[in-house]
């Protein structure tokens, strides 16, 4: 018999970086649930869809300001 798949949640921080975290485990300071829970593979697929630009938000903003100069 196979063990049930572990459940994870997708967490996000103020820099819009995403991480997988074991469901039911408290998140570290600075992280909040993004709203998606599933298997590891499901969560990875979700993150791939919603986080195409993995640069931190502050870097994206800084570079966007330079492009507008």
N, C-alpha and C. Protein backbone atom coordinates (compact mmCIF):
# COMPACT_ATOMS: atom_id res chain seq x y z
N UNK A 1 0.84 -1.17 0.00
CA UNK A 1 0.00 0.00 0.00
C UNK A 1 0.89 1.24 0.00
N UNK A 2 0.56 2.22 -0.86
CA UNK A 2 1.32 3.47 -0.92
C UNK A 2 0.88 4.42 0.18
N UNK A 3 1.83 5.14 0.74
CA UNK A 3 1.51 6.16 1.74
C UNK A 3 0.81 7.32 1.05
N UNK A 4 -0.10 8.00 1.74
CA UNK A 4 -0.75 9.15 1.13
C UNK A 4 0.27 10.25 0.83
N UNK A 5 0.02 10.98 -0.25
CA UNK A 5 0.93 12.05 -0.64
C UNK A 5 0.91 13.16 0.41
N UNK A 6 2.07 13.69 0.70
CA UNK A 6 2.16 14.81 1.63
C UNK A 6 1.49 16.03 1.01
N UNK A 7 0.90 16.87 1.85
CA UNK A 7 0.23 18.07 1.40
C UNK A 7 1.13 19.27 1.71
N UNK A 8 1.17 20.19 0.77
CA UNK A 8 1.95 21.41 0.91
C UNK A 8 1.07 22.60 0.62
N UNK A 9 1.50 23.74 1.11
CA UNK A 9 0.84 24.98 0.72
C UNK A 9 1.87 25.86 0.05
N UNK A 10 1.39 26.76 -0.79
CA UNK A 10 2.27 27.73 -1.44
C UNK A 10 2.25 28.98 -0.57
N UNK A 11 3.42 29.43 -0.19
CA UNK A 11 3.56 30.63 0.63
C UNK A 11 4.24 31.71 -0.20
N UNK A 12 4.01 32.96 0.19
CA UNK A 12 4.59 34.10 -0.52
C UNK A 12 5.05 35.12 0.52
N UNK A 13 6.11 35.86 0.18
CA UNK A 13 6.59 36.90 1.09
C UNK A 13 6.39 38.28 0.47
N UNK A 14 6.83 39.32 1.15
CA UNK A 14 6.63 40.69 0.66
C UNK A 14 7.37 40.98 -0.63
N UNK A 15 8.37 40.18 -0.96
CA UNK A 15 9.10 40.34 -2.21
C UNK A 15 8.46 39.53 -3.34
N UNK A 16 7.29 38.95 -3.06
CA UNK A 16 6.54 38.12 -4.01
C UNK A 16 7.31 36.87 -4.41
N UNK A 17 8.22 36.42 -3.54
CA UNK A 17 8.90 35.15 -3.76
C UNK A 17 7.97 34.05 -3.24
N UNK A 18 7.96 32.91 -3.90
CA UNK A 18 7.09 31.81 -3.54
C UNK A 18 7.89 30.65 -2.98
N UNK A 19 7.26 29.89 -2.10
CA UNK A 19 7.90 28.72 -1.50
C UNK A 19 6.83 27.68 -1.19
N UNK A 20 7.23 26.42 -1.17
CA UNK A 20 6.36 25.34 -0.73
C UNK A 20 6.64 25.09 0.74
N UNK A 21 5.56 24.84 1.50
CA UNK A 21 5.71 24.63 2.93
C UNK A 21 4.78 23.50 3.34
N UNK A 22 5.21 22.61 4.21
CA UNK A 22 4.33 21.52 4.64
C UNK A 22 3.03 22.07 5.23
N UNK A 23 1.90 21.61 4.72
CA UNK A 23 0.60 22.06 5.23
C UNK A 23 0.49 21.68 6.70
N UNK A 24 -0.10 22.56 7.47
CA UNK A 24 -0.29 22.31 8.90
C UNK A 24 0.89 22.69 9.75
N UNK A 25 1.93 23.20 9.13
CA UNK A 25 3.13 23.64 9.85
C UNK A 25 3.17 25.17 9.83
N UNK A 26 3.42 25.80 10.97
CA UNK A 26 3.45 27.27 10.98
C UNK A 26 4.49 27.82 10.00
N UNK A 27 4.10 28.89 9.32
CA UNK A 27 5.03 29.54 8.39
C UNK A 27 6.02 30.40 9.17
N UNK A 28 7.23 30.58 8.64
CA UNK A 28 8.18 31.48 9.28
C UNK A 28 7.71 32.92 9.17
N UNK A 29 8.25 33.76 10.01
CA UNK A 29 7.93 35.19 9.98
C UNK A 29 8.20 35.75 8.59
N UNK A 30 7.32 36.59 8.11
CA UNK A 30 7.49 37.23 6.81
C UNK A 30 6.84 36.48 5.66
N UNK A 31 6.28 35.32 5.93
CA UNK A 31 5.63 34.52 4.89
C UNK A 31 4.15 34.39 5.22
N UNK A 32 3.31 34.32 4.17
CA UNK A 32 1.87 34.14 4.35
C UNK A 32 1.38 33.13 3.32
N UNK A 33 0.27 32.45 3.62
CA UNK A 33 -0.26 31.50 2.64
C UNK A 33 -0.72 32.22 1.39
N UNK A 34 -0.44 31.67 0.25
CA UNK A 34 -0.85 32.25 -1.03
C UNK A 34 -2.24 31.79 -1.41
N UNK A 35 -2.67 30.64 -0.86
CA UNK A 35 -4.02 30.17 -1.10
C UNK A 35 -4.11 28.84 -1.82
N UNK A 36 -2.98 28.28 -2.23
CA UNK A 36 -2.99 27.01 -2.95
C UNK A 36 -2.42 25.92 -2.07
N UNK A 37 -3.12 24.78 -1.98
CA UNK A 37 -2.65 23.61 -1.23
C UNK A 37 -2.78 22.40 -2.14
N UNK A 38 -1.77 21.54 -2.12
CA UNK A 38 -1.81 20.32 -2.93
C UNK A 38 -0.61 19.46 -2.67
N UNK A 39 -0.39 18.51 -3.55
CA UNK A 39 0.81 17.68 -3.45
C UNK A 39 2.01 18.55 -3.85
N UNK A 40 3.19 18.03 -3.63
CA UNK A 40 4.39 18.78 -4.02
C UNK A 40 4.36 19.08 -5.52
N UNK A 41 4.04 18.09 -6.33
CA UNK A 41 3.99 18.30 -7.78
C UNK A 41 2.93 19.33 -8.17
N UNK A 42 1.77 19.28 -7.55
CA UNK A 42 0.71 20.25 -7.85
C UNK A 42 1.14 21.66 -7.47
N UNK A 43 1.78 21.79 -6.32
CA UNK A 43 2.24 23.11 -5.87
C UNK A 43 3.34 23.65 -6.78
N UNK A 44 4.26 22.80 -7.20
CA UNK A 44 5.33 23.24 -8.11
C UNK A 44 4.71 23.72 -9.43
N UNK A 45 3.75 22.98 -9.95
CA UNK A 45 3.08 23.38 -11.20
C UNK A 45 2.37 24.71 -11.02
N UNK A 46 1.73 24.90 -9.87
CA UNK A 46 1.04 26.17 -9.60
C UNK A 46 2.03 27.33 -9.55
N UNK A 47 3.12 27.15 -8.83
CA UNK A 47 4.14 28.20 -8.73
C UNK A 47 4.71 28.52 -10.11
N UNK A 48 4.94 27.51 -10.92
CA UNK A 48 5.44 27.75 -12.28
C UNK A 48 4.48 28.63 -13.08
N UNK A 49 3.18 28.49 -12.84
CA UNK A 49 2.19 29.29 -13.57
C UNK A 49 2.10 30.71 -13.05
N UNK A 50 2.13 30.88 -11.72
CA UNK A 50 1.85 32.20 -11.15
C UNK A 50 3.09 33.04 -10.88
N UNK A 51 4.28 32.47 -11.00
CA UNK A 51 5.52 33.20 -10.68
C UNK A 51 6.53 33.03 -11.80
N UNK A 52 6.23 33.58 -12.99
CA UNK A 52 7.13 33.40 -14.13
C UNK A 52 8.44 34.19 -14.02
N UNK A 53 8.42 35.31 -13.32
CA UNK A 53 9.61 36.14 -13.16
C UNK A 53 10.07 36.00 -11.72
N UNK A 54 11.11 35.21 -11.49
CA UNK A 54 11.49 34.87 -10.12
C UNK A 54 12.36 35.94 -9.44
N UNK A 55 12.57 37.05 -10.11
CA UNK A 55 13.34 38.13 -9.46
C UNK A 55 12.51 38.71 -8.32
N UNK A 56 13.14 39.12 -7.21
CA UNK A 56 12.40 39.76 -6.13
C UNK A 56 11.69 41.04 -6.62
N UNK A 57 10.58 41.36 -6.00
CA UNK A 57 9.79 42.54 -6.38
C UNK A 57 10.63 43.81 -6.38
N UNK A 58 11.47 44.00 -5.36
CA UNK A 58 12.28 45.23 -5.28
C UNK A 58 13.21 45.35 -6.48
N UNK A 59 13.78 44.24 -6.93
CA UNK A 59 14.66 44.28 -8.10
C UNK A 59 13.86 44.58 -9.36
N UNK A 60 12.70 43.96 -9.52
CA UNK A 60 11.87 44.24 -10.70
C UNK A 60 11.48 45.71 -10.75
N UNK A 61 11.13 46.28 -9.60
CA UNK A 61 10.76 47.71 -9.55
C UNK A 61 11.95 48.59 -9.89
N UNK A 62 13.11 48.26 -9.33
CA UNK A 62 14.31 49.06 -9.58
C UNK A 62 14.67 49.04 -11.06
N UNK A 63 14.63 47.86 -11.67
CA UNK A 63 14.96 47.74 -13.08
C UNK A 63 13.90 48.42 -13.95
N UNK A 64 12.64 48.37 -13.56
CA UNK A 64 11.58 49.04 -14.31
C UNK A 64 11.79 50.55 -14.29
N UNK A 65 12.28 51.08 -13.17
CA UNK A 65 12.57 52.51 -13.07
C UNK A 65 13.71 52.93 -13.97
N UNK A 66 14.71 52.09 -14.11
CA UNK A 66 15.85 52.38 -14.99
C UNK A 66 15.43 52.33 -16.45
N UNK A 67 14.53 51.42 -16.78
CA UNK A 67 14.07 51.29 -18.17
C UNK A 67 13.27 52.53 -18.58
N UNK A 68 12.61 53.17 -17.62
CA UNK A 68 11.80 54.35 -17.92
C UNK A 68 12.62 55.62 -17.98
N UNK A 69 13.92 55.53 -17.67
CA UNK A 69 14.78 56.74 -17.66
C UNK A 69 15.13 57.19 -19.04
